[in-house]
């Protein structure tokens, strides 16, 4: 079995502490259009029995506020 990397370790720690973690996926290189970004949760099925959530086309402040409120 391989060791988890720094990103994965951070994700596991955040899920343990907060119950979920958000991952943002950047658009193609050279684009700064926020509508090309998407962000999804990790950990909700494990901690709350919910499906994961995904948001498209929102700026980072809005998407993290939305996911936190959920």
PDB file of N, CA and C in Angstrom:
ATOM      1  N   UNK A   1       0.847  -1.173   0.000  1.00  0.00           N
ATOM      2  CA  UNK A   1       0.000   0.000   0.000  1.00  0.00           C
ATOM      3  C   UNK A   1       0.899   1.245   0.000  1.00  0.00           C
ATOM      4  N   UNK A   2       0.549   2.224  -0.796  1.00  0.00           N
ATOM      5  CA  UNK A   2       1.354   3.448  -0.870  1.00  0.00           C
ATOM      6  C   UNK A   2       0.979   4.406   0.254  1.00  0.00           C
ATOM      7  N   UNK A   3       1.895   5.278   0.595  1.00  0.00           N
ATOM      8  CA  UNK A   3       1.619   6.325   1.578  1.00  0.00           C
ATOM      9  C   UNK A   3       0.773   7.410   0.931  1.00  0.00           C
ATOM     10  N   UNK A   4      -0.045   8.079   1.753  1.00  0.00           N
ATOM     11  CA  UNK A   4      -0.822   9.186   1.203  1.00  0.00           C
ATOM     12  C   UNK A   4       0.082  10.408   1.074  1.00  0.00           C
ATOM     13  N   UNK A   5      -0.184  11.222   0.047  1.00  0.00           N
ATOM     14  CA  UNK A   5       0.639  12.398  -0.169  1.00  0.00           C
ATOM     15  C   UNK A   5       0.132  13.568   0.689  1.00  0.00           C
ATOM     16  N   UNK A   6       0.802  14.681   0.593  1.00  0.00           N
ATOM     17  CA  UNK A   6       0.493  15.850   1.419  1.00  0.00           C
ATOM     18  C   UNK A   6      -0.944  16.335   1.203  1.00  0.00           C
ATOM     19  N   UNK A   7      -1.391  16.386  -0.059  1.00  0.00           N
ATOM     20  CA  UNK A   7      -2.759  16.819  -0.364  1.00  0.00           C
ATOM     21  C   UNK A   7      -3.775  15.877   0.270  1.00  0.00           C
ATOM     22  N   UNK A   8      -3.557  14.581   0.100  1.00  0.00           N
ATOM     23  CA  UNK A   8      -4.483  13.594   0.660  1.00  0.00           C
ATOM     24  C   UNK A   8      -4.502  13.646   2.189  1.00  0.00           C
ATOM     25  N   UNK A   9      -3.341  13.833   2.798  1.00  0.00           N
ATOM     26  CA  UNK A   9      -3.271  13.929   4.255  1.00  0.00           C
ATOM     27  C   UNK A   9      -4.060  15.140   4.737  1.00  0.00           C
ATOM     28  N   UNK A  10      -3.906  16.271   4.063  1.00  0.00           N
ATOM     29  CA  UNK A  10      -4.650  17.474   4.414  1.00  0.00           C
ATOM     30  C   UNK A  10      -6.154  17.226   4.275  1.00  0.00           C
ATOM     31  N   UNK A  11      -6.552  16.548   3.205  1.00  0.00           N
ATOM     32  CA  UNK A  11      -7.965  16.264   2.983  1.00  0.00           C
ATOM     33  C   UNK A  11      -8.524  15.386   4.104  1.00  0.00           C
ATOM     34  N   UNK A  12      -7.822  14.340   4.472  1.00  0.00           N
ATOM     35  CA  UNK A  12      -8.267  13.447   5.546  1.00  0.00           C
ATOM     36  C   UNK A  12      -8.384  14.207   6.864  1.00  0.00           C
ATOM     37  N   UNK A  13      -7.414  15.076   7.161  1.00  0.00           N
ATOM     38  CA  UNK A  13      -7.460  15.865   8.393  1.00  0.00           C
ATOM     39  C   UNK A  13      -8.672  16.796   8.410  1.00  0.00           C
ATOM     40  N   UNK A  14      -8.944  17.460   7.274  1.00  0.00           N
ATOM     41  CA  UNK A  14     -10.085  18.384   7.200  1.00  0.00           C
ATOM     42  C   UNK A  14     -11.412  17.634   7.312  1.00  0.00           C
ATOM     43  N   UNK A  15     -11.510  16.467   6.677  1.00  0.00           N
ATOM     44  CA  UNK A  15     -12.740  15.678   6.780  1.00  0.00           C
ATOM     45  C   UNK A  15     -12.946  15.217   8.213  1.00  0.00           C
ATOM     46  N   UNK A  16     -11.880  14.812   8.874  1.00  0.00           N
ATOM     47  CA  UNK A  16     -11.979  14.399  10.276  1.00  0.00           C
ATOM     48  C   UNK A  16     -12.434  15.545  11.169  1.00  0.00           C
ATOM     49  N   UNK A  17     -11.951  16.736  10.877  1.00  0.00           N
ATOM     50  CA  UNK A  17     -12.266  17.903  11.700  1.00  0.00           C
ATOM     51  C   UNK A  17     -13.624  18.523  11.365  1.00  0.00           C
ATOM     52  N   UNK A  18     -13.915  18.679  10.067  1.00  0.00           N
ATOM     53  CA  UNK A  18     -15.102  19.431   9.637  1.00  0.00           C
ATOM     54  C   UNK A  18     -16.204  18.566   9.041  1.00  0.00           C
ATOM     55  N   UNK A  19     -15.895  17.325   8.717  1.00  0.00           N
ATOM     56  CA  UNK A  19     -16.887  16.432   8.141  1.00  0.00           C
ATOM     57  C   UNK A  19     -16.914  16.412   6.628  1.00  0.00           C
ATOM     58  N   UNK A  20     -16.208  17.323   5.989  1.00  0.00           N
ATOM     59  CA  UNK A  20     -16.160  17.371   4.528  1.00  0.00           C
ATOM     60  C   UNK A  20     -14.968  18.198   4.085  1.00  0.00           C
ATOM     61  N   UNK A  21     -14.682  18.127   2.794  1.00  0.00           N
ATOM     62  CA  UNK A  21     -13.579  18.848   2.188  1.00  0.00           C
ATOM     63  C   UNK A  21     -14.029  19.247   0.796  1.00  0.00           C
ATOM     64  N   UNK A  22     -13.599  20.393   0.322  1.00  0.00           N
ATOM     65  CA  UNK A  22     -13.954  20.855  -1.019  1.00  0.00           C
ATOM     66  C   UNK A  22     -12.719  20.851  -1.916  1.00  0.00           C
ATOM     67  N   UNK A  23     -12.912  20.359  -3.127  1.00  0.00           N
ATOM     68  CA  UNK A  23     -11.848  20.326  -4.124  1.00  0.00           C
ATOM     69  C   UNK A  23     -12.296  21.179  -5.307  1.00  0.00           C
ATOM     70  N   UNK A  24     -11.490  22.176  -5.668  1.00  0.00           N
ATOM     71  CA  UNK A  24     -11.779  23.019  -6.822  1.00  0.00           C
ATOM     72  C   UNK A  24     -10.922  22.577  -7.996  1.00  0.00           C
ATOM     73  N   UNK A  25     -11.535  22.512  -9.153  1.00  0.00           N
ATOM     74  CA  UNK A  25     -10.847  22.087 -10.365  1.00  0.00           C
ATOM     75  C   UNK A  25     -10.749  23.284 -11.301  1.00  0.00           C
ATOM     76  N   UNK A  26      -9.523  23.601 -11.678  1.00  0.00           N
ATOM     77  CA  UNK A  26      -9.244  24.769 -12.510  1.00  0.00           C
ATOM     78  C   UNK A  26      -9.559  24.494 -13.977  1.00  0.00           C
ATOM     79  N   UNK A  27      -9.854  25.552 -14.709  1.00  0.00           N
ATOM     80  CA  UNK A  27     -10.090  25.407 -16.146  1.00  0.00           C
ATOM     81  C   UNK A  27      -8.786  25.161 -16.901  1.00  0.00           C
ATOM     82  N   UNK A  28      -8.903  25.093 -18.185  1.00  0.00           N
ATOM     83  CA  UNK A  28      -7.727  24.913 -19.028  1.00  0.00           C
ATOM     84  C   UNK A  28      -6.731  26.040 -18.801  1.00  0.00           C
ATOM     85  N   UNK A  29      -5.483  25.756 -18.997  1.00  0.00           N
ATOM     86  CA  UNK A  29      -4.426  26.748 -18.832  1.00  0.00           C
ATOM     87  C   UNK A  29      -4.729  27.975 -19.687  1.00  0.00           C
ATOM     88  N   UNK A  30      -4.579  29.143 -19.085  1.00  0.00           N
ATOM     89  CA  UNK A  30      -4.778  30.384 -19.813  1.00  0.00           C
ATOM     90  C   UNK A  30      -6.171  30.968 -19.684  1.00  0.00           C
ATOM     91  N   UNK A  31      -7.093  30.246 -19.072  1.00  0.00           N
ATOM     92  CA  UNK A  31      -8.446  30.759 -18.903  1.00  0.00           C
ATOM     93  C   UNK A  31      -8.643  31.181 -17.455  1.00  0.00           C
ATOM     94  N   UNK A  32      -9.217  32.357 -17.262  1.00  0.00           N
ATOM     95  CA  UNK A  32      -9.548  32.793 -15.901  1.00  0.00           C
ATOM     96  C   UNK A  32     -11.052  32.977 -15.758  1.00  0.00           C
ATOM     97  N   UNK A  33     -11.820  32.351 -16.642  1.00  0.00           N
ATOM     98  CA  UNK A  33     -13.271  32.432 -16.622  1.00  0.00           C
ATOM     99  C   UNK A  33     -13.811  31.583 -15.472  1.00  0.00           C
ATOM    100  N   UNK A  34     -14.450  32.202 -14.458  1.00  0.00           N
ATOM    101  CA  UNK A  34     -14.946  31.428 -13.318  1.00  0.00           C
ATOM    102  C   UNK A  34     -16.012  30.403 -13.708  1.00  0.00           C
ATOM    103  N   UNK A  35     -16.654  30.597 -14.848  1.00  0.00           N
ATOM    104  CA  UNK A  35     -17.670  29.637 -15.274  1.00  0.00           C
ATOM    105  C   UNK A  35     -17.069  28.308 -15.694  1.00  0.00           C
ATOM    106  N   UNK A  36     -15.771  28.267 -15.903  1.00  0.00           N
ATOM    107  CA  UNK A  36     -15.121  27.016 -16.266  1.00  0.00           C
ATOM    108  C   UNK A  36     -14.650  26.226 -15.042  1.00  0.00           C
ATOM    109  N   UNK A  37     -14.677  26.824 -13.861  1.00  0.00           N
ATOM    110  CA  UNK A  37     -14.281  26.152 -12.631  1.00  0.00           C
ATOM    111  C   UNK A  37     -15.426  25.273 -12.126  1.00  0.00           C
ATOM    112  N   UNK A  38     -15.079  24.232 -11.411  1.00  0.00           N
ATOM    113  CA  UNK A  38     -16.092  23.533 -10.620  1.00  0.00           C
ATOM    114  C   UNK A  38     -15.469  23.076  -9.319  1.00  0.00           C
ATOM    115  N   UNK A  39     -16.313  22.915  -8.322  1.00  0.00           N
ATOM    116  CA  UNK A  39     -15.873  22.527  -6.986  1.00  0.00           C
ATOM    117  C   UNK A  39     -16.786  21.409  -6.497  1.00  0.00           C
ATOM    118  N   UNK A  40     -16.191  20.384  -5.906  1.00  0.00           N
ATOM    119  CA  UNK A  40     -17.001  19.279  -5.387  1.00  0.00           C
ATOM    120  C   UNK A  40     -16.546  18.930  -3.973  1.00  0.00           C
ATOM    121  N   UNK A  41     -17.448  18.324  -3.226  1.00  0.00           N
ATOM    122  CA  UNK A  41     -17.154  17.919  -1.859  1.00  0.00           C
ATOM    123  C   UNK A  41     -16.602  16.497  -1.836  1.00  0.00           C
ATOM    124  N   UNK A  42     -15.912  16.214  -0.750  1.00  0.00           N
ATOM    125  CA  UNK A  42     -15.430  14.863  -0.451  1.00  0.00           C
ATOM    126  C   UNK A  42     -15.731  14.627   1.025  1.00  0.00           C
ATOM    127  N   UNK A  43     -16.349  13.509   1.344  1.00  0.00           N
ATOM    128  CA  UNK A  43     -16.555  13.147   2.742  1.00  0.00           C
ATOM    129  C   UNK A  43     -17.999  13.164   3.223  1.00  0.00           C
ATOM    130  N   UNK A  44     -18.908  13.784   2.495  1.00  0.00           N
ATOM    131  CA  UNK A  44     -20.292  13.883   2.964  1.00  0.00           C
ATOM    132  C   UNK A  44     -20.982  12.527   3.136  1.00  0.00           C
ATOM    133  N   UNK A  45     -20.790  11.561   2.229  1.00  0.00           N
ATOM    134  CA  UNK A  45     -21.435  10.263   2.453  1.00  0.00           C
ATOM    135  C   UNK A  45     -20.946   9.588   3.735  1.00  0.00           C
ATOM    136  N   UNK A  46     -19.676   9.747   4.018  1.00  0.00           N
ATOM    137  CA  UNK A  46     -19.088   9.117   5.205  1.00  0.00           C
ATOM    138  C   UNK A  46     -19.567   9.770   6.495  1.00  0.00           C
ATOM    139  N   UNK A  47     -19.602  11.105   6.531  1.00  0.00           N
ATOM    140  CA  UNK A  47     -19.905  11.793   7.784  1.00  0.00           C
ATOM    141  C   UNK A  47     -21.381  12.097   7.994  1.00  0.00           C
ATOM    142  N   UNK A  48     -22.124  12.339   6.909  1.00  0.00           N
ATOM    143  CA  UNK A  48     -23.527  12.734   7.052  1.00  0.00           C
ATOM    144  C   UNK A  48     -24.509  11.807   6.343  1.00  0.00           C
ATOM    145  N   UNK A  49     -23.987  10.868   5.550  1.00  0.00           N
ATOM    146  CA  UNK A  49     -24.864  10.014   4.776  1.00  0.00           C
ATOM    147  C   UNK A  49     -25.478  10.729   3.580  1.00  0.00           C
ATOM    148  N   UNK A  50     -24.911  11.866   3.214  1.00  0.00           N
ATOM    149  CA  UNK A  50     -25.385  12.647   2.065  1.00  0.00           C
ATOM    150  C   UNK A  50     -24.602  12.259   0.820  1.00  0.00           C
ATOM    151  N   UNK A  51     -25.163  12.542  -0.363  1.00  0.00           N
ATOM    152  CA  UNK A  51     -24.350  12.421  -1.569  1.00  0.00           C
ATOM    153  C   UNK A  51     -23.367  13.589  -1.630  1.00  0.00           C
ATOM    154  N   UNK A  52     -22.328  13.436  -2.410  1.00  0.00           N
ATOM    155  CA  UNK A  52     -21.412  14.552  -2.611  1.00  0.00           C
ATOM    156  C   UNK A  52     -22.129  15.666  -3.376  1.00  0.00           C
ATOM    157  N   UNK A  53     -21.675  16.894  -3.191  1.00  0.00           N
ATOM    158  CA  UNK A  53     -22.230  18.055  -3.878  1.00  0.00           C
ATOM    159  C   UNK A  53     -21.211  18.586  -4.874  1.00  0.00           C
ATOM    160  N   UNK A  54     -21.702  19.178  -5.961  1.00  0.00           N
ATOM    161  CA  UNK A  54     -20.826  19.783  -6.952  1.00  0.00           C
ATOM    162  C   UNK A  54     -21.451  21.098  -7.403  1.00  0.00           C
ATOM    163  N   UNK A  55     -20.601  22.107  -7.579  1.00  0.00           N
ATOM    164  CA  UNK A  55     -21.055  23.428  -8.014  1.00  0.00           C
ATOM    165  C   UNK A  55     -20.240  23.840  -9.236  1.00  0.00           C
ATOM    166  N   UNK A  56     -20.929  24.427 -10.193  1.00  0.00           N
ATOM    167  CA  UNK A  56     -20.298  24.888 -11.429  1.00  0.00           C
ATOM    168  C   UNK A  56     -20.478  26.387 -11.586  1.00  0.00           C
ATOM    169  N   UNK A  57     -19.476  27.068 -12.145  1.00  0.00           N
ATOM    170  CA  UNK A  57     -19.617  28.441 -12.598  1.00  0.00           C
ATOM    171  C   UNK A  57     -19.736  29.494 -11.516  1.00  0.00           C
ATOM    172  N   UNK A  58     -19.276  29.216 -10.315  1.00  0.00           N
ATOM    173  CA  UNK A  58     -19.349  30.185  -9.229  1.00  0.00           C
ATOM    174  C   UNK A  58     -17.944  30.585  -8.795  1.00  0.00           C
ATOM    175  N   UNK A  59     -17.802  31.827  -8.337  1.00  0.00           N
ATOM    176  CA  UNK A  59     -16.500  32.231  -7.814  1.00  0.00           C
ATOM    177  C   UNK A  59     -16.248  31.506  -6.491  1.00  0.00           C
ATOM    178  N   UNK A  60     -15.001  31.447  -6.084  1.00  0.00           N
ATOM    179  CA  UNK A  60     -14.627  30.635  -4.921  1.00  0.00           C
ATOM    180  C   UNK A  60     -15.303  31.085  -3.633  1.00  0.00           C
ATOM    181  N   UNK A  61     -15.454  32.387  -3.405  1.00  0.00           N
ATOM    182  CA  UNK A  61     -16.122  32.847  -2.187  1.00  0.00           C
ATOM    183  C   UNK A  61     -17.561  32.359  -2.128  1.00  0.00           C
ATOM    184  N   UNK A  62     -18.248  32.464  -3.250  1.00  0.00           N
ATOM    185  CA  UNK A  62     -19.650  32.047  -3.310  1.00  0.00           C
ATOM    186  C   UNK A  62     -19.799  30.541  -3.135  1.00  0.00           C
ATOM    187  N   UNK A  63     -18.984  29.773  -3.820  1.00  0.00           N
ATOM    188  CA  UNK A  63     -19.130  28.324  -3.748  1.00  0.00           C
ATOM    189  C   UNK A  63     -18.798  27.795  -2.351  1.00  0.00           C
ATOM    190  N   UNK A  64     -17.772  28.333  -1.707  1.00  0.00           N
ATOM    191  CA  UNK A  64     -17.451  27.846  -0.357  1.00  0.00           C
ATOM    192  C   UNK A  64     -18.511  28.264   0.650  1.00  0.00           C
ATOM    193  N   UNK A  65     -19.078  29.445   0.491  1.00  0.00           N
ATOM    194  CA  UNK A  65     -20.184  29.872   1.371  1.00  0.00           C
ATOM    195  C   UNK A  65     -21.397  28.978   1.163  1.00  0.00           C
ATOM    196  N   UNK A  66     -21.709  28.677  -0.090  1.00  0.00           N
ATOM    197  CA  UNK A  66     -22.846  27.831  -0.409  1.00  0.00           C
ATOM    198  C   UNK A  66     -22.675  26.427   0.175  1.00  0.00           C
ATOM    199  N   UNK A  67     -21.506  25.851  -0.023  1.00  0.00           N
ATOM    200  CA  UNK A  67     -21.258  24.504   0.497  1.00  0.00           C
ATOM    201  C   UNK A  67     -21.236  24.501   2.026  1.00  0.00           C
ATOM    202  N   UNK A  68     -20.693  25.516   2.634  1.00  0.00           N
ATOM    203  CA  UNK A  68     -20.685  25.597   4.103  1.00  0.00           C
ATOM    204  C   UNK A  68     -22.091  25.706   4.657  1.00  0.00           C
ATOM    205  N   UNK A  69     -22.944  26.466   3.983  1.00  0.00           N
ATOM    206  CA  UNK A  69     -24.330  26.613   4.437  1.00  0.00           C
ATOM    207  C   UNK A  69     -25.135  25.337   4.279  1.00  0.00           C
ATOM    208  N   UNK A  70     -24.776  24.525   3.276  1.00  0.00           N
ATOM    209  CA  UNK A  70     -25.501  23.269   3.055  1.00  0.00           C
ATOM    210  C   UNK A  70     -25.292  22.345   4.248  1.00  0.00           C
TER     211      UNK A  70
END
